[in-house]
Amino acid sequence: MRAIIKPSALSGKVFSPPSKSYAHRILICAALAEGTSKISNLAESQDILATEDCINALGA
């Protein structure tokens, strides 16, 4: 099967189980997204806080 993927805008809600692994990905995706991202119920740990600090230091 061949698929052609064209760039387009995405919007909506994503629900994921509380997981540090998913939390890192969610933060990184939110940093790359245009506009404002609202994240709630994020698993909180030292490495998640470090990821947040890194993203903020990069200007997101």
N, C-alpha and C. Protein backbone atom coordinates (compact mmCIF):
# COMPACT_ATOMS: atom_id res chain seq x y z
N MET A 1 0.84 -1.17 0.00
CA MET A 1 0.00 0.00 0.00
C MET A 1 0.89 1.24 0.00
N ARG A 2 0.49 2.24 -0.75
CA ARG A 2 1.18 3.52 -0.77
C ARG A 2 0.26 4.58 -0.20
N ALA A 3 0.84 5.46 0.56
CA ALA A 3 0.06 6.55 1.15
C ALA A 3 0.77 7.86 0.87
N ILE A 4 0.00 8.86 0.54
CA ILE A 4 0.53 10.20 0.35
C ILE A 4 0.05 11.03 1.53
N ILE A 5 0.99 11.60 2.25
CA ILE A 5 0.66 12.39 3.42
C ILE A 5 0.96 13.85 3.10
N LYS A 6 -0.05 14.66 3.21
CA LYS A 6 0.10 16.09 2.95
C LYS A 6 0.07 16.84 4.27
N PRO A 7 0.94 17.83 4.44
CA PRO A 7 0.93 18.62 5.67
C PRO A 7 -0.41 19.30 5.87
N SER A 8 -0.90 19.26 7.07
CA SER A 8 -2.15 19.95 7.39
C SER A 8 -2.18 20.25 8.88
N ALA A 9 -3.09 21.10 9.27
CA ALA A 9 -3.22 21.47 10.67
C ALA A 9 -3.96 20.38 11.44
N LEU A 10 -3.52 20.14 12.65
CA LEU A 10 -4.17 19.18 13.53
C LEU A 10 -4.72 19.92 14.74
N SER A 11 -5.83 19.45 15.24
CA SER A 11 -6.36 19.99 16.49
C SER A 11 -7.17 18.90 17.16
N GLY A 12 -7.36 19.05 18.45
CA GLY A 12 -8.14 18.07 19.18
C GLY A 12 -7.54 17.78 20.53
N LYS A 13 -8.01 16.72 21.15
CA LYS A 13 -7.54 16.32 22.47
C LYS A 13 -6.91 14.95 22.38
N VAL A 14 -5.89 14.75 23.17
CA VAL A 14 -5.22 13.46 23.25
C VAL A 14 -5.24 13.03 24.71
N PHE A 15 -5.72 11.83 24.97
CA PHE A 15 -5.75 11.28 26.32
C PHE A 15 -4.77 10.11 26.37
N SER A 16 -3.90 10.12 27.36
CA SER A 16 -2.95 9.03 27.50
C SER A 16 -2.86 8.63 28.97
N PRO A 17 -2.47 7.40 29.23
CA PRO A 17 -2.33 6.96 30.62
C PRO A 17 -1.17 7.69 31.28
N PRO A 18 -1.23 7.86 32.61
CA PRO A 18 -0.12 8.52 33.29
C PRO A 18 1.15 7.68 33.19
N SER A 19 2.13 8.20 32.50
CA SER A 19 3.36 7.47 32.26
C SER A 19 4.47 8.48 32.06
N LYS A 20 5.62 8.26 32.69
CA LYS A 20 6.74 9.18 32.50
C LYS A 20 7.19 9.19 31.05
N SER A 21 7.20 8.04 30.42
CA SER A 21 7.62 7.95 29.03
C SER A 21 6.70 8.79 28.14
N TYR A 22 5.38 8.63 28.33
CA TYR A 22 4.43 9.42 27.55
C TYR A 22 4.53 10.90 27.90
N ALA A 23 4.78 11.21 29.16
CA ALA A 23 4.86 12.61 29.58
C ALA A 23 5.99 13.34 28.85
N HIS A 24 7.14 12.69 28.70
CA HIS A 24 8.24 13.31 27.94
C HIS A 24 7.80 13.59 26.51
N ARG A 25 7.16 12.63 25.89
CA ARG A 25 6.72 12.79 24.49
C ARG A 25 5.68 13.89 24.37
N ILE A 26 4.75 13.94 25.32
CA ILE A 26 3.71 14.96 25.28
C ILE A 26 4.34 16.35 25.39
N LEU A 27 5.28 16.51 26.31
CA LEU A 27 5.95 17.81 26.47
C LEU A 27 6.69 18.22 25.20
N ILE A 28 7.39 17.29 24.60
CA ILE A 28 8.15 17.60 23.39
C ILE A 28 7.22 17.93 22.23
N CYS A 29 6.14 17.17 22.07
CA CYS A 29 5.17 17.46 21.00
C CYS A 29 4.52 18.82 21.23
N ALA A 30 4.19 19.13 22.47
CA ALA A 30 3.59 20.43 22.77
C ALA A 30 4.56 21.56 22.46
N ALA A 31 5.84 21.34 22.73
CA ALA A 31 6.84 22.36 22.44
C ALA A 31 6.98 22.60 20.94
N LEU A 32 6.79 21.57 20.15
CA LEU A 32 6.91 21.70 18.69
C LEU A 32 5.65 22.24 18.03
N ALA A 33 4.53 22.17 18.74
CA ALA A 33 3.24 22.59 18.17
C ALA A 33 3.14 24.11 18.13
N GLU A 34 2.38 24.60 17.18
CA GLU A 34 2.10 26.03 17.11
C GLU A 34 0.98 26.35 18.08
N GLY A 35 0.97 27.55 18.59
CA GLY A 35 -0.10 27.96 19.48
C GLY A 35 0.12 27.47 20.91
N THR A 36 -0.97 27.38 21.64
CA THR A 36 -0.93 27.01 23.05
C THR A 36 -1.38 25.57 23.23
N SER A 37 -0.66 24.83 24.03
CA SER A 37 -1.04 23.45 24.38
C SER A 37 -1.37 23.41 25.86
N LYS A 38 -2.46 22.75 26.20
CA LYS A 38 -2.86 22.59 27.60
C LYS A 38 -2.61 21.14 27.99
N ILE A 39 -1.78 20.93 29.00
CA ILE A 39 -1.45 19.59 29.46
C ILE A 39 -1.91 19.47 30.90
N SER A 40 -2.66 18.42 31.21
CA SER A 40 -3.11 18.21 32.58
C SER A 40 -2.81 16.78 33.01
N ASN A 41 -2.79 16.56 34.30
CA ASN A 41 -2.53 15.24 34.89
C ASN A 41 -1.19 14.66 34.44
N LEU A 42 -0.20 15.50 34.37
CA LEU A 42 1.12 15.07 33.93
C LEU A 42 1.84 14.36 35.08
N ALA A 43 2.42 13.21 34.80
CA ALA A 43 3.21 12.50 35.81
C ALA A 43 4.36 13.41 36.22
N GLU A 44 4.54 13.60 37.51
CA GLU A 44 5.57 14.53 37.98
C GLU A 44 6.73 13.77 38.60
N SER A 45 7.91 14.02 38.09
CA SER A 45 9.13 13.41 38.62
C SER A 45 10.29 14.33 38.29
N GLN A 46 11.45 14.01 38.81
CA GLN A 46 12.62 14.85 38.57
C GLN A 46 12.99 14.91 37.09
N ASP A 47 12.87 13.79 36.37
CA ASP A 47 13.24 13.83 34.96
C ASP A 47 12.20 14.56 34.12
N ILE A 48 10.93 14.53 34.51
CA ILE A 48 9.91 15.32 33.81
C ILE A 48 10.17 16.80 34.03
N LEU A 49 10.49 17.17 35.28
CA LEU A 49 10.82 18.57 35.56
C LEU A 49 12.06 19.01 34.79
N ALA A 50 13.03 18.13 34.63
CA ALA A 50 14.23 18.44 33.85
C ALA A 50 13.88 18.65 32.38
N THR A 51 12.97 17.84 31.85
CA THR A 51 12.52 18.01 30.46
C THR A 51 11.82 19.35 30.30
N GLU A 52 10.95 19.70 31.26
CA GLU A 52 10.28 21.00 31.22
C GLU A 52 11.30 22.14 31.23
N ASP A 53 12.30 22.05 32.11
CA ASP A 53 13.34 23.09 32.19
C ASP A 53 14.10 23.21 30.88
N CYS A 54 14.41 22.09 30.27
CA CYS A 54 15.15 22.08 29.00
C CYS A 54 14.32 22.74 27.90
N ILE A 55 13.05 22.39 27.83
CA ILE A 55 12.16 22.96 26.81
C ILE A 55 12.03 24.47 27.02
N ASN A 56 11.87 24.88 28.27
CA ASN A 56 11.78 26.32 28.56
C ASN A 56 13.08 27.04 28.21
N ALA A 57 14.21 26.41 28.47
CA ALA A 57 15.50 27.02 28.14
C ALA A 57 15.68 27.19 26.64
N LEU A 58 15.03 26.31 25.86
CA LEU A 58 15.11 26.41 24.40
C LEU A 58 14.15 27.45 23.84
N GLY A 59 13.31 28.03 24.72
CA GLY A 59 12.44 29.11 24.29
C GLY A 59 11.02 28.71 23.98
N ALA A 60 10.62 27.51 24.32
CA ALA A 60 9.24 27.09 24.05
C ALA A 60 8.32 27.60 25.13
